[in-house]
C-alpha atoms as a PDB file:
ATOM      1  CA  MET A   1      50.806 -44.408  35.759  1.00  0.00           C
ATOM      2  CA  THR A   2      47.608 -42.345  35.975  1.00  0.00           C
ATOM      3  CA  ILE A   3      48.579 -41.075  39.417  1.00  0.00           C
ATOM      4  CA  GLN A   4      51.969 -39.982  38.105  1.00  0.00           C
ATOM      5  CA  LEU A   5      50.340 -38.119  35.199  1.00  0.00           C
ATOM      6  CA  GLU A   6      48.051 -36.317  37.611  1.00  0.00           C
ATOM      7  CA  ARG A   7      51.066 -35.260  39.688  1.00  0.00           C
ATOM      8  CA  GLU A   8      52.775 -33.881  36.567  1.00  0.00           C
ATOM      9  CA  GLY A   9      49.711 -31.758  35.757  1.00  0.00           C
ATOM     10  CA  VAL A  10      48.522 -33.717  32.726  1.00  0.00           C
ATOM     11  CA  THR A  11      44.779 -33.274  32.079  1.00  0.00           C
ATOM     12  CA  ALA A  12      42.325 -36.093  31.515  1.00  0.00           C
ATOM     13  CA  ARG A  13      42.200 -35.244  27.769  1.00  0.00           C
ATOM     14  CA  GLN A  14      46.025 -35.695  27.489  1.00  0.00           C
ATOM     15  CA  ARG A  15      46.222 -38.996  29.384  1.00  0.00           C
ATOM     16  CA  PRO A  16      45.198 -41.409  26.540  1.00  0.00           C
ATOM     17  CA  LEU A  17      48.092 -40.244  24.353  1.00  0.00           C
ATOM     18  CA  LEU A  18      50.651 -40.681  27.159  1.00  0.00           C
ATOM     19  CA  LEU A  19      49.279 -44.069  28.187  1.00  0.00           C
ATOM     20  CA  ALA A  20      49.513 -45.222  24.582  1.00  0.00           C
ATOM     21  CA  ALA A  21      53.252 -44.361  24.420  1.00  0.00           C
ATOM     22  CA  PRO A  22      54.529 -47.836  25.555  1.00  0.00           C
ATOM     23  CA  SER A  23      52.760 -49.426  22.575  1.00  0.00           C
ATOM     24  CA  PHE A  24      55.510 -47.984  20.336  1.00  0.00           C
ATOM     25  CA  GLY A  25      58.131 -50.186  21.989  1.00  0.00           C
ATOM     26  CA  THR A  26      59.205 -47.688  24.666  1.00  0.00           C
ATOM     27  CA  SER A  27      58.397 -47.142  28.320  1.00  0.00           C
ATOM     28  CA  PRO A  28      58.552 -44.245  30.792  1.00  0.00           C
ATOM     29  CA  PRO A  29      61.722 -43.724  32.825  1.00  0.00           C
ATOM     30  CA  ASP A  30      60.462 -45.645  35.879  1.00  0.00           C
ATOM     31  CA  GLN A  31      59.640 -48.688  33.755  1.00  0.00           C
ATOM     32  CA  ALA A  32      63.132 -48.487  32.120  1.00  0.00           C
ATOM     33  CA  HIS A  33      64.806 -48.766  35.521  1.00  0.00           C
ATOM     34  CA  ARG A  34      62.618 -51.667  36.472  1.00  0.00           C
ATOM     35  CA  ASN A  35      63.378 -53.504  33.234  1.00  0.00           C
ATOM     36  CA  THR A  36      67.225 -53.033  33.478  1.00  0.00           C
ATOM     37  CA  GLY A  37      67.506 -54.650  36.894  1.00  0.00           C
ATOM     38  CA  PRO A  38      69.737 -53.499  39.798  1.00  0.00           C
ATOM     39  CA  VAL A  39      72.452 -50.978  39.064  1.00  0.00           C
ATOM     40  CA  ASP A  40      76.077 -51.803  39.954  1.00  0.00           C
ATOM     41  CA  MET A  41      76.994 -49.031  42.400  1.00  0.00           C
ATOM     42  CA  ARG A  42      80.742 -49.865  42.005  1.00  0.00           C
ATOM     43  CA  THR A  43      80.801 -48.686  38.445  1.00  0.00           C
ATOM     44  CA  THR A  44      78.711 -45.596  38.938  1.00  0.00           C
ATOM     45  CA  PRO A  45      81.388 -43.268  40.388  1.00  0.00           C
ATOM     46  CA  ASN A  46      83.883 -44.112  37.704  1.00  0.00           C
ATOM     47  CA  THR A  47      81.318 -43.425  35.110  1.00  0.00           C
ATOM     48  CA  LEU A  48      80.350 -40.081  36.585  1.00  0.00           C
ATOM     49  CA  MET A  49      84.025 -38.980  36.991  1.00  0.00           C
ATOM     50  CA  GLY A  50      84.972 -39.923  33.456  1.00  0.00           C
ATOM     51  CA  GLY A  51      87.048 -42.884  34.594  1.00  0.00           C
ATOM     52  CA  ARG A  52      86.964 -46.445  33.483  1.00  0.00           C
ATOM     53  CA  GLN A  53      83.655 -47.412  31.943  1.00  0.00           C
ATOM     54  CA  SER A  54      81.542 -50.089  33.451  1.00  0.00           C
ATOM     55  CA  HIS A  55      81.867 -53.546  32.066  1.00  0.00           C
ATOM     56  CA  ARG A  56      77.969 -53.630  31.843  1.00  0.00           C
ATOM     57  CA  PRO A  57      76.664 -53.443  28.279  1.00  0.00           C
ATOM     58  CA  GLN A  58      75.515 -49.966  26.908  1.00  0.00           C
ATOM     59  CA  THR A  59      72.078 -51.247  25.897  1.00  0.00           C
ATOM     60  CA  SER A  60      70.427 -49.923  29.054  1.00  0.00           C
ATOM     61  CA  SER A  61      71.746 -46.369  28.563  1.00  0.00           C
ATOM     62  CA  LYS A  62      70.630 -46.214  24.942  1.00  0.00           C
ATOM     63  CA  ARG A  63      67.239 -47.555  25.909  1.00  0.00           C
ATOM     64  CA  GLN A  64      66.835 -44.862  28.559  1.00  0.00           C
ATOM     65  CA  THR A  65      67.690 -42.149  26.000  1.00  0.00           C
ATOM     66  CA  THR A  66      65.105 -43.518  23.580  1.00  0.00           C
ATOM     67  CA  VAL A  67      62.462 -43.674  26.305  1.00  0.00           C
ATOM     68  CA  HIS A  68      63.108 -40.067  27.294  1.00  0.00           C
ATOM     69  CA  GLU A  69      62.868 -38.886  23.693  1.00  0.00           C
ATOM     70  CA  THR A  70      59.630 -40.805  23.146  1.00  0.00           C
ATOM     71  CA  TYR A  71      58.188 -39.453  26.368  1.00  0.00           C
ATOM     72  CA  ALA A  72      59.076 -35.877  25.355  1.00  0.00           C
ATOM     73  CA  LEU A  73      57.553 -36.387  21.890  1.00  0.00           C
ATOM     74  CA  ALA A  74      54.313 -37.757  23.353  1.00  0.00           C
ATOM     75  CA  LEU A  75      54.153 -34.859  25.803  1.00  0.00           C
ATOM     76  CA  HIS A  76      54.731 -32.361  22.928  1.00  0.00           C
ATOM     77  CA  LEU A  77      51.968 -33.953  20.857  1.00  0.00           C
ATOM     78  CA  THR A  78      49.667 -33.866  23.869  1.00  0.00           C
ATOM     79  CA  VAL A  79      50.340 -30.164  24.395  1.00  0.00           C
ATOM     80  CA  GLN A  80      49.679 -29.437  20.712  1.00  0.00           C
ATOM     81  CA  THR A  81      46.462 -31.451  20.842  1.00  0.00           C
ATOM     82  CA  SER A  82      45.326 -29.599  23.957  1.00  0.00           C
ATOM     83  CA  ALA A  83      46.137 -26.264  22.233  1.00  0.00           C
ATOM     84  CA  THR A  84      44.146 -27.111  19.112  1.00  0.00           C
ATOM     85  CA  ALA A  85      41.178 -28.551  21.040  1.00  0.00           C
ATOM     86  CA  PRO A  86      39.548 -25.153  21.830  1.00  0.00           C
ATOM     87  CA  GLU A  87      39.849 -24.146  18.177  1.00  0.00           C
ATOM     88  CA  GLU A  88      38.100 -27.354  17.082  1.00  0.00           C
ATOM     89  CA  GLU A  89      35.375 -26.817  19.661  1.00  0.00           C
ATOM     90  CA  GLN A  90      34.957 -23.208  18.484  1.00  0.00           C
ATOM     91  CA  SER A  91      34.690 -24.306  14.837  1.00  0.00           C
ATOM     92  CA  GLU A  92      32.107 -26.954  15.757  1.00  0.00           C
ATOM     93  CA  THR A  93      30.111 -24.324  17.669  1.00  0.00           C
ATOM     94  CA  ASP A  94      30.218 -21.916  14.711  1.00  0.00           C
ATOM     95  CA  ALA A  95      29.068 -24.638  12.326  1.00  0.00           C
ATOM     96  CA  SER A  96      26.150 -25.592  14.582  1.00  0.00           C
ATOM     97  CA  GLN A  97      25.128 -21.937  14.914  1.00  0.00           C
ATOM     98  CA  LYS A  98      25.186 -21.477  11.123  1.00  0.00           C
ATOM     99  CA  ARG A  99      23.125 -24.633  10.686  1.00  0.00           C
ATOM    100  CA  GLU A 100      20.561 -23.419  13.219  1.00  0.00           C
ATOM    101  CA  ALA A 101      20.399 -20.013  11.501  1.00  0.00           C
ATOM    102  CA  ARG A 102      19.733 -21.668   8.132  1.00  0.00           C
ATOM    103  CA  LEU A 103      17.039 -23.894   9.609  1.00  0.00           C
ATOM    104  CA  ARG A 104      15.419 -20.875  11.258  1.00  0.00           C
ATOM    105  CA  LYS A 105      15.465 -19.017   7.921  1.00  0.00           C
ATOM    106  CA  PHE A 106      13.898 -22.008   6.170  1.00  0.00           C
ATOM    107  CA  ARG A 107      11.127 -22.142   8.771  1.00  0.00           C
ATOM    108  CA  GLU A 108      10.407 -18.433   8.325  1.00  0.00           C
ATOM    109  CA  LEU A 109      10.253 -18.818   4.548  1.00  0.00           C
ATOM    110  CA  HIS A 110       7.928 -21.791   4.950  1.00  0.00           C
ATOM    111  CA  PHE A 111       5.560 -19.792   7.168  1.00  0.00           C
ATOM    112  CA  LYS A 112       5.609 -16.859   4.741  1.00  0.00           C
ATOM    113  CA  ARG A 113       4.805 -19.172   1.842  1.00  0.00           C
ATOM    114  CA  ASN A 114       1.823 -20.635   3.695  1.00  0.00           C
ATOM    115  CA  GLU A 115       0.596 -17.161   4.628  1.00  0.00           C
ATOM    116  CA  ALA A 116       0.902 -15.959   1.026  1.00  0.00           C
ATOM    117  CA  ARG A 117      -1.015 -19.030  -0.164  1.00  0.00           C
ATOM    118  CA  LYS A 118      -3.851 -18.305   2.280  1.00  0.00           C
ATOM    119  CA  LEU A 119      -4.016 -14.629   1.287  1.00  0.00           C
ATOM    120  CA  ASN A 120      -4.080 -15.480  -2.415  1.00  0.00           C
ATOM    121  CA  HIS A 121      -6.912 -17.935  -1.840  1.00  0.00           C
ATOM    122  CA  GLN A 122      -8.897 -15.299   0.062  1.00  0.00           C
ATOM    123  CA  GLU A 123      -8.383 -12.755  -2.725  1.00  0.00           C
ATOM    124  CA  VAL A 124      -9.535 -15.266  -5.336  1.00  0.00           C
ATOM    125  CA  VAL A 125     -12.696 -15.990  -3.341  1.00  0.00           C
ATOM    126  CA  GLU A 126     -13.432 -12.273  -2.866  1.00  0.00           C
ATOM    127  CA  GLU A 127     -12.864 -11.552  -6.549  1.00  0.00           C
ATOM    128  CA  ASP A 128     -15.217 -14.376  -7.522  1.00  0.00           C
ATOM    129  CA  LYS A 129     -17.882 -12.914  -5.225  1.00  0.00           C
ATOM    130  CA  ARG A 130     -17.445  -9.450  -6.747  1.00  0.00           C
ATOM    131  CA  GLN A 131     -17.738 -10.807 -10.278  1.00  0.00           C
ATOM    132  CA  LYS A 132     -21.019 -12.551  -9.421  1.00  0.00           C
ATOM    133  CA  LEU A 133     -22.541  -9.299  -8.078  1.00  0.00           C
ATOM    134  CA  PRO A 134     -24.321  -6.773 -10.354  1.00  0.00           C
ATOM    135  CA  ALA A 135     -22.255  -4.226 -12.237  1.00  0.00           C
ATOM    136  CA  ASN A 136     -23.368  -1.231 -10.141  1.00  0.00           C
ATOM    137  CA  TRP A 137     -23.472  -3.065  -6.814  1.00  0.00           C
ATOM    138  CA  GLU A 138     -20.715  -0.955  -5.238  1.00  0.00           C
ATOM    139  CA  ALA A 139     -22.527   2.300  -6.057  1.00  0.00           C
ATOM    140  CA  LYS A 140     -25.835   0.938  -4.754  1.00  0.00           C
ATOM    141  CA  LYS A 141     -24.179  -0.317  -1.584  1.00  0.00           C
ATOM    142  CA  ALA A 142     -22.510   3.055  -0.958  1.00  0.00           C
ATOM    143  CA  ARG A 143     -25.815   4.844  -1.558  1.00  0.00           C
ATOM    144  CA  LEU A 144     -27.722   2.567   0.832  1.00  0.00           C
ATOM    145  CA  GLU A 145     -25.051   2.945   3.518  1.00  0.00           C
ATOM    146  CA  TRP A 146     -25.202   6.736   3.139  1.00  0.00           C
ATOM    147  CA  GLU A 147     -28.996   6.721   3.445  1.00  0.00           C
ATOM    148  CA  LEU A 148     -28.852   4.547   6.559  1.00  0.00           C
ATOM    149  CA  ALA A 149     -26.286   6.899   8.107  1.00  0.00           C
ATOM    150  CA  GLU A 150     -28.500   9.899   7.292  1.00  0.00           C
ATOM    151  CA  GLU A 151     -31.544   8.260   8.854  1.00  0.00           C
ATOM    152  CA  GLN A 152     -29.540   7.429  11.976  1.00  0.00           C
ATOM    153  CA  LYS A 153     -28.355  11.035  12.273  1.00  0.00           C
ATOM    154  CA  LYS A 154     -31.896  12.316  11.839  1.00  0.00           C
ATOM    155  CA  LYS A 155     -33.132  10.058  14.636  1.00  0.00           C
ATOM    156  CA  GLU A 156     -30.330  11.218  16.931  1.00  0.00           C
ATOM    157  CA  CYS A 157     -31.099  14.879  16.213  1.00  0.00           C
ATOM    158  CA  ALA A 158     -34.813  14.293  16.781  1.00  0.00           C
ATOM    159  CA  ALA A 159     -34.063  12.604  20.117  1.00  0.00           C
ATOM    160  CA  ARG A 160     -31.974  15.613  21.202  1.00  0.00           C
ATOM    161  CA  GLY A 161     -34.573  18.054  19.884  1.00  0.00           C
ATOM    162  CA  ASP A 162     -32.221  19.625  17.295  1.00  0.00           C
ATOM    163  CA  ASN A 163     -32.939  20.581  13.714  1.00  0.00           C
ATOM    164  CA  TYR A 164     -31.166  18.098  11.444  1.00  0.00           C
ATOM    165  CA  ASP A 165     -30.759  20.520   8.521  1.00  0.00           C
ATOM    166  CA  ARG A 166     -29.189  23.112  10.793  1.00  0.00           C
ATOM    167  CA  VAL A 167     -26.817  20.572  12.353  1.00  0.00           C
ATOM    168  CA  LYS A 168     -25.850  19.272   8.912  1.00  0.00           C
ATOM    169  CA  LEU A 169     -25.094  22.788   7.636  1.00  0.00           C
ATOM    170  CA  LEU A 170     -22.792  23.383  10.602  1.00  0.00           C
ATOM    171  CA  GLU A 171     -20.669  20.411   9.524  1.00  0.00           C
ATOM    172  CA  ILE A 172     -20.429  21.471   5.843  1.00  0.00           C
ATOM    173  CA  THR A 173     -17.770  23.847   4.567  1.00  0.00           C
ATOM    174  CA  ALA A 174     -18.671  26.934   2.534  1.00  0.00           C
ATOM    175  CA  ASP A 175     -17.063  25.546  -0.628  1.00  0.00           C
ATOM    176  CA  ASP A 176     -19.034  22.282  -0.432  1.00  0.00           C
ATOM    177  CA  ALA A 177     -22.290  24.152   0.234  1.00  0.00           C
ATOM    178  CA  GLU A 178     -21.725  26.435  -2.765  1.00  0.00           C
ATOM    179  CA  ARG A 179     -20.866  23.502  -5.031  1.00  0.00           C
ATOM    180  CA  TRP A 180     -24.005  21.591  -4.001  1.00  0.00           C
ATOM    181  CA  GLU A 181     -26.135  24.673  -4.476  1.00  0.00           C
ATOM    182  CA  ARG A 182     -24.830  25.147  -8.032  1.00  0.00           C
ATOM    183  CA  LYS A 183     -25.484  21.495  -8.771  1.00  0.00           C
ATOM    184  CA  LYS A 184     -28.995  21.795  -7.373  1.00  0.00           C
ATOM    185  CA  ARG A 185     -29.770  24.870  -9.485  1.00  0.00           C
ATOM    186  CA  LYS A 186     -28.383  23.191 -12.591  1.00  0.00           C
ATOM    187  CA  LYS A 187     -30.449  20.075 -12.008  1.00  0.00           C
ATOM    188  CA  ASN A 188     -33.692  21.948 -11.291  1.00  0.00           C
ATOM    189  CA  PRO A 189     -33.342  25.530 -12.535  1.00  0.00           C
ATOM    190  CA  ASP A 190     -35.975  28.075 -11.582  1.00  0.00           C
ATOM    191  CA  THR A 191     -36.886  29.814 -14.838  1.00  0.00           C
ATOM    192  CA  GLY A 192     -39.592  31.920 -13.219  1.00  0.00           C
ATOM    193  CA  PHE A 193     -43.208  32.092 -14.201  1.00  0.00           C
ATOM    194  CA  ALA A 194     -43.681  30.794 -17.752  1.00  0.00           C
ATOM    195  CA  GLY A 195     -47.260  29.558 -17.564  1.00  0.00           C
ATOM    196  CA  TYR A 196     -49.821  28.210 -15.128  1.00  0.00           C
ATOM    197  CA  ALA A 197     -49.550  24.640 -16.400  1.00  0.00           C
ATOM    198  CA  GLU A 198     -45.770  24.537 -15.963  1.00  0.00           C
ATOM    199  CA  ALA A 199     -45.991  26.213 -12.555  1.00  0.00           C
ATOM    200  CA  GLN A 200     -48.520  23.627 -11.361  1.00  0.00           C
ATOM    201  CA  PHE A 201     -46.374  20.773 -12.678  1.00  0.00           C
ATOM    202  CA  ARG A 202     -43.317  22.072 -10.833  1.00  0.00           C
ATOM    203  CA  GLN A 203     -45.334  22.401  -7.653  1.00  0.00           C
ATOM    204  CA  TYR A 204     -46.615  18.833  -8.046  1.00  0.00           C
ATOM    205  CA  GLN A 205     -43.052  17.499  -8.411  1.00  0.00           C
ATOM    206  CA  ARG A 206     -41.924  19.456  -5.370  1.00  0.00           C
ATOM    207  CA  LEU A 207     -44.787  18.167  -3.219  1.00  0.00           C
ATOM    208  CA  THR A 208     -44.320  14.532  -4.278  1.00  0.00           C
ATOM    209  CA  LYS A 209     -40.617  14.690  -3.400  1.00  0.00           C
ATOM    210  CA  GLN A 210     -41.537  15.746   0.127  1.00  0.00           C
ATOM    211  CA  ILE A 211     -43.730  12.678   0.731  1.00  0.00           C
ATOM    212  CA  ARG A 212     -42.279  10.295   3.299  1.00  0.00           C
ATOM    213  CA  PRO A 213     -44.067   6.964   3.780  1.00  0.00           C
ATOM    214  CA  ASP A 214     -45.385   6.331   7.279  1.00  0.00           C
ATOM    215  CA  LEU A 215     -45.456   2.542   7.589  1.00  0.00           C
ATOM    216  CA  GLU A 216     -46.778   2.537  11.164  1.00  0.00           C
ATOM    217  CA  ASN A 217     -49.802   4.638  10.203  1.00  0.00           C
ATOM    218  CA  TYR A 218     -50.289   2.459   7.126  1.00  0.00           C
ATOM    219  CA  GLU A 219     -50.432  -0.740   9.205  1.00  0.00           C
ATOM    220  CA  LYS A 220     -52.829   0.923  11.648  1.00  0.00           C
ATOM    221  CA  GLN A 221     -55.220   2.001   8.861  1.00  0.00           C
ATOM    222  CA  ARG A 222     -55.114  -1.451   7.306  1.00  0.00           C
ATOM    223  CA  GLU A 223     -56.089  -3.082  10.604  1.00  0.00           C
ATOM    224  CA  GLU A 224     -58.923  -0.586  11.110  1.00  0.00           C
ATOM    225  CA  GLY A 225     -60.209  -0.805   7.525  1.00  0.00           C
ATOM    226  CA  GLY A 226     -60.231  -4.591   7.292  1.00  0.00           C
ATOM    227  CA  ALA A 227     -61.641  -5.811   3.965  1.00  0.00           C
ATOM    228  CA  ASP A 228     -62.619  -2.259   2.915  1.00  0.00           C
ATOM    229  CA  PHE A 229     -58.957  -1.184   3.016  1.00  0.00           C
ATOM    230  CA  TYR A 230     -58.502  -2.670  -0.469  1.00  0.00           C
ATOM    231  CA  PRO A 231     -61.320  -1.088  -2.509  1.00  0.00           C
ATOM    232  CA  THR A 232     -63.006  -2.706  -5.491  1.00  0.00           C
ATOM    233  CA  SER A 233     -65.080  -1.312  -8.326  1.00  0.00           C
ATOM    234  CA  ASN A 234     -68.167  -1.347  -6.072  1.00  0.00           C
ATOM    235  CA  SER A 235     -66.501   0.320  -3.058  1.00  0.00           C
ATOM    236  CA  LEU A 236     -67.455   3.833  -1.978  1.00  0.00           C
ATOM    237  CA  ILE A 237     -64.552   5.377  -0.035  1.00  0.00           C
ATOM    238  CA  HIS A 238     -65.092   9.064  -0.765  1.00  0.00           C
ATOM    239  CA  GLY A 239     -65.191  11.089   2.456  1.00  0.00           C
ATOM    240  CA  THR A 240     -64.332   8.150   4.705  1.00  0.00           C
ATOM    241  CA  HIS A 241     -60.697   9.122   5.247  1.00  0.00           C
ATOM    242  CA  ILE A 242     -59.987  11.079   8.413  1.00  0.00           C
ATOM    243  CA  PRO A 243     -56.550  12.810   8.330  1.00  0.00           C
ATOM    244  CA  THR A 244     -54.378  12.884  11.396  1.00  0.00           C
ATOM    245  CA  THR A 245     -53.490  16.025  13.299  1.00  0.00           C
ATOM    246  CA  GLU A 246     -49.848  15.763  12.221  1.00  0.00           C
ATOM    247  CA  GLY A 247     -50.899  15.536   8.567  1.00  0.00           C
ATOM    248  CA  VAL A 248     -53.090  18.641   8.864  1.00  0.00           C
ATOM    249  CA  ASP A 249     -50.223  20.563  10.497  1.00  0.00           C
ATOM    250  CA  ARG A 250     -47.858  19.591   7.683  1.00  0.00           C
ATOM    251  CA  MET A 251     -50.380  20.767   5.066  1.00  0.00           C
ATOM    252  CA  VAL A 252     -50.890  24.108   6.816  1.00  0.00           C
ATOM    253  CA  GLU A 253     -47.132  24.628   7.069  1.00  0.00           C
ATOM    254  CA  ASP A 254     -46.662  23.899   3.364  1.00  0.00           C
ATOM    255  CA  VAL A 255     -49.467  26.258   2.349  1.00  0.00           C
ATOM    256  CA  GLU A 256     -47.939  29.043   4.436  1.00  0.00           C
ATOM    257  CA  LYS A 257     -44.601  28.480   2.702  1.00  0.00           C
ATOM    258  CA  GLN A 258     -46.278  28.718  -0.717  1.00  0.00           C
ATOM    259  CA  ILE A 259     -47.959  31.990   0.235  1.00  0.00           C
ATOM    260  CA  GLU A 260     -44.665  33.427   1.469  1.00  0.00           C
ATOM    261  CA  LYS A 261     -42.909  32.412  -1.739  1.00  0.00           C
ATOM    262  CA  ARG A 262     -45.607  33.973  -3.919  1.00  0.00           C
ATOM    263  CA  ALA A 263     -45.314  37.180  -1.922  1.00  0.00           C
ATOM    264  CA  LYS A 264     -41.607  37.351  -2.750  1.00  0.00           C
ATOM    265  CA  TYR A 265     -42.303  36.810  -6.432  1.00  0.00           C
ATOM    266  CA  SER A 266     -45.009  39.457  -6.509  1.00  0.00           C
ATOM    267  CA  ARG A 267     -43.084  42.104  -4.621  1.00  0.00           C
ATOM    268  CA  ARG A 268     -42.216  45.256  -6.553  1.00  0.00           C
ATOM    269  CA  ARG A 269     -38.683  45.174  -7.914  1.00  0.00           C
ATOM    270  CA  ALA A 270     -36.338  48.063  -7.371  1.00  0.00           C
ATOM    271  CA  TYR A 271     -36.187  50.517 -10.246  1.00  0.00           C
ATOM    272  CA  ASN A 272     -32.851  50.751 -12.077  1.00  0.00           C
ATOM    273  CA  ASP A 273     -32.227  54.228 -13.493  1.00  0.00           C
ATOM    274  CA  ASP A 274     -29.336  53.057 -15.678  1.00  0.00           C
ATOM    275  CA  ALA A 275     -31.341  50.347 -17.442  1.00  0.00           C
ATOM    276  CA  ASP A 276     -32.457  50.868 -21.026  1.00  0.00           C
ATOM    277  CA  ILE A 277     -36.040  52.016 -21.432  1.00  0.00           C
ATOM    278  CA  ASP A 278     -37.718  49.776 -24.009  1.00  0.00           C
ATOM    279  CA  TYR A 279     -41.306  49.882 -22.763  1.00  0.00           C
ATOM    280  CA  ILE A 280     -44.200  52.311 -22.738  1.00  0.00           C
ATOM    281  CA  ASN A 281     -45.932  51.265 -19.514  1.00  0.00           C
ATOM    282  CA  GLU A 282     -45.662  48.767 -16.648  1.00  0.00           C
ATOM    283  CA  ARG A 283     -47.529  46.025 -18.424  1.00  0.00           C
ATOM    284  CA  ASN A 284     -45.339  46.408 -21.510  1.00  0.00           C
ATOM    285  CA  ALA A 285     -42.224  46.302 -19.285  1.00  0.00           C
ATOM    286  CA  LYS A 286     -43.286  42.942 -17.801  1.00  0.00           C
ATOM    287  CA  PHE A 287     -43.979  41.596 -21.264  1.00  0.00           C
ATOM    288  CA  ASN A 288     -40.575  42.743 -22.525  1.00  0.00           C
ATOM    289  CA  LYS A 289     -38.856  41.065 -19.564  1.00  0.00           C
ATOM    290  CA  LYS A 290     -40.670  37.825 -20.281  1.00  0.00           C
ATOM    291  CA  ALA A 291     -39.779  38.007 -24.003  1.00  0.00           C
ATOM    292  CA  GLU A 292     -36.166  38.813 -23.101  1.00  0.00           C
ATOM    293  CA  ARG A 293     -36.015  35.783 -20.844  1.00  0.00           C
ATOM    294  CA  PHE A 294     -37.049  33.397 -23.632  1.00  0.00           C
ATOM    295  CA  TYR A 295     -35.771  35.093 -26.817  1.00  0.00           C
ATOM    296  CA  GLY A 296     -33.074  37.457 -25.610  1.00  0.00           C
ATOM    297  CA  LYS A 297     -30.154  35.263 -26.692  1.00  0.00           C
ATOM    298  CA  TYR A 298     -31.567  35.098 -30.222  1.00  0.00           C
ATOM    299  CA  THR A 299     -32.430  38.811 -30.619  1.00  0.00           C
ATOM    300  CA  ALA A 300     -29.367  40.320 -28.915  1.00  0.00           C
ATOM    301  CA  GLU A 301     -27.444  40.752 -32.196  1.00  0.00           C
ATOM    302  CA  ILE A 302     -30.469  42.241 -33.985  1.00  0.00           C
ATOM    303  CA  LYS A 303     -30.959  44.799 -31.220  1.00  0.00           C
ATOM    304  CA  GLN A 304     -27.301  45.775 -31.349  1.00  0.00           C
ATOM    305  CA  ASN A 305     -27.460  46.264 -35.123  1.00  0.00           C
ATOM    306  CA  LEU A 306     -30.554  48.449 -34.743  1.00  0.00           C
ATOM    307  CA  GLU A 307     -28.865  50.552 -32.105  1.00  0.00           C
ATOM    308  CA  ARG A 308     -25.700  51.004 -34.239  1.00  0.00           C
ATOM    309  CA  GLY A 309     -27.712  51.600 -37.417  1.00  0.00           C
ATOM    310  CA  THR A 310     -26.001  48.754 -39.254  1.00  0.00           C
ATOM    311  CA  ALA A 311     -29.091  46.564 -39.641  1.00  0.00           C
ATOM    312  CA  VAL A 312     -29.732  45.287 -43.143  1.00  0.00           C
END
């Protein structure tokens, strides 16, 4: 039976349905001939020519018709099943692809959730650290980092033999330089000569700001001094200090700068012909300028009233 199905072009998927056909009480055409026994050849011509019918019972002919119908029905069902098989396979493939896509999406969401949990934990730890630090820690840290960067730049410029202030000014825009200069003047305004005591105090502040500790020289002096490096009430250290050559050069340079600055202050100012004459000699003119510098904003209205003649 299997060989016959192969000859008729029936696939392996269609064979079980055809082989199951005899279970319904029918058989293929070859089995029907075998079951009916030998055919009487004497009656066959008459039957074909429409003559006298054979005296053999009609059960065999009806059975053959039923077998053919059953065989055709099984073949039709097999063809329908083979036609719907690719659609079922396609639907199963689509369902498996959708299931895999959902599982992939779930895995991605799971990874994102774990990553978000880790990031949140890190932020909580960092925030706890920041809360335990002092209130102005960020400003102090930024200031220290800026100072370290400045020191590093100074060392690099010194190694190349360049002037750090000059290199720094080349990297600053004109607007920034003007803004810093205004801030510097506002913080430490130069009001001119107001008295010897104030002038000396301003010079003392300027000189102390220029002091830079030399730790290497300090360690060297401490090793050389020994126990006398830390004086007591009975120690006599006057005249024992010997300055270094670099220290003497710095002092000479600073003194020369002071002399140059005093020369600029003492130079004769240009005479303004359009200015009001409110003095009788040079000494009185200097005094009036000094008084104007300190009390001008209070006496400006009085002077205007005197000039207009509206003073009370």
